[in-house]
Amino acid sequence: MSSKNLIQQLIWKNQKKGVLLFASIGMFIGMFILFISIQLYFDIINISKSDKEIFNKDYIVINKKISILNTVKFLSTGFSQNEIDSIKKQDFVEKIGIITPNKFKVGAYTDGTKDFPEFYAEMFFESVPDEFMDINADEWHWDKNSAYIPIVIPRDYLKLYNFGFAQSQNLPQISEEIASKAMADFMIEGRGKKIKMKGKIVGFTDRINSILVPQSFMEWANETLGRKTGSNKPSRIIIVSNDPASPRLAQFLKDNNYEANLQQTKGSRLNTLLQILLSIVLLIGTIIVLLAFIIFVVSFKLMISKAHNSIEKLLIIGYHYTTPAKIYISIYGILITIIYALSIAAVYISKEVLANLFTKIGFAMSEGLSFNLIIISIAIGLILFISNSISIIFQFRKLASK
């Protein structure tokens, strides 16, 4: 029998392995909960990025309710400066911007291509400050030398065309990709002037129900062609809300006879809620892992304590304290490796099941495990291994110093 086997027999003599089994099961459960929470967290981030659109924050458009008094022009739908200042002061408002309408006539037409049908329509433009647009600055730029006007339209407009107008007129339906490739001709006119320009769709939004152009274009066009009569008060305002679910926001709108489509923020609120729930699960997993780790540390202390006499004999006959310590460390290393492998395997299987469920409800999850999870999980495993290994070495050093 080799000396190593003899040492192992002495160490394991009269040891109860049930405590280690209990600690291993606890560590497996904790690691699984922790790792699956991390995986789902990164999956949600990836889904949010892949489903990202022009407005990716909690932007809310506010306007005054239209009544018969507005129709007969006894009341204005424009916001006064005092009203704008009042909105700015609300604690649920992070940022505020003015939506600027066109004060000139706009007509859009195209001669038609193989992918894009011929059409003509009178329409309107609006603009918001550039900082409210989450779009490439190079795409969302206009000056007098620009080849075309960048345009962002609501996705609902394209759906109305595809499933309403196109079907009724037996016209081809248009995808977002095709719409983004097409160039449309615009005739803008006012104050006796007519200017022919090109326009191109550079993005789509679900957040604001308007056809948007860069602020620089709107300022130039209104100055060059816009009518001088009529109110200059903005009739629509866009805000960034730091708490779109706040009851105070809904009450403020009601008290001031304002209206806004708060359903626009429903998705982001659900996303926030889901991230909070995942954070709670992540915390629970972390606590379980820490408790299991403490049980491991205590278990190995008890094992060393029970093998005290055998260890002392080994030290007396000339063995260095690191020799039996390495055996304990190797046992712990094997256990942690097995638990880690089983946890990762369980996370992978669970991810595949969840991916199928997410696909059925219209969300495509990334394939396989997140690279971030692999790095984080390896780091956690190494920290747990190194920490207990150091604890074991200190205990043996303490025994050797007596």
Foldseek 3Di string as FASTA:
>chain_A
DDPLVVLVCLLCPPADCVLVVVLLVLLLVLLLLQLLLVQVLVLLVVLLVVPDFFQSFQKWKKWFDDDVCVVVPVDPRFDDPVNVVVVVPDPQFDDKKFKAWAQWWKKKWDPDDPQGGTDIDTFIEIAIAPVRTNDPPVLQDDDPPDQAWEKEAAPVVLVCCQVPVCVVVVHDRHDPVRQQPDKMWMWIAAPHDIDIHIYGYPGYDNRDHGMYTYPVVRVVNCVVGGDPDDDPGGRMMMTGTPCLPDPVVVVVCVVVNMDIDSVSCVVVVVSVVVNVVSVVSNVVSVVSNVVSLVSVLVSVVVSCVVSLVVLVVCVVVPDDLVSSLVVVLVVVLVSLVVSLVVSLVVSLVVVVVVQVVCVVVPGHGDHDGDPVSVVVSVVVSVVSSVVSSVSSSVVSVVSSVD
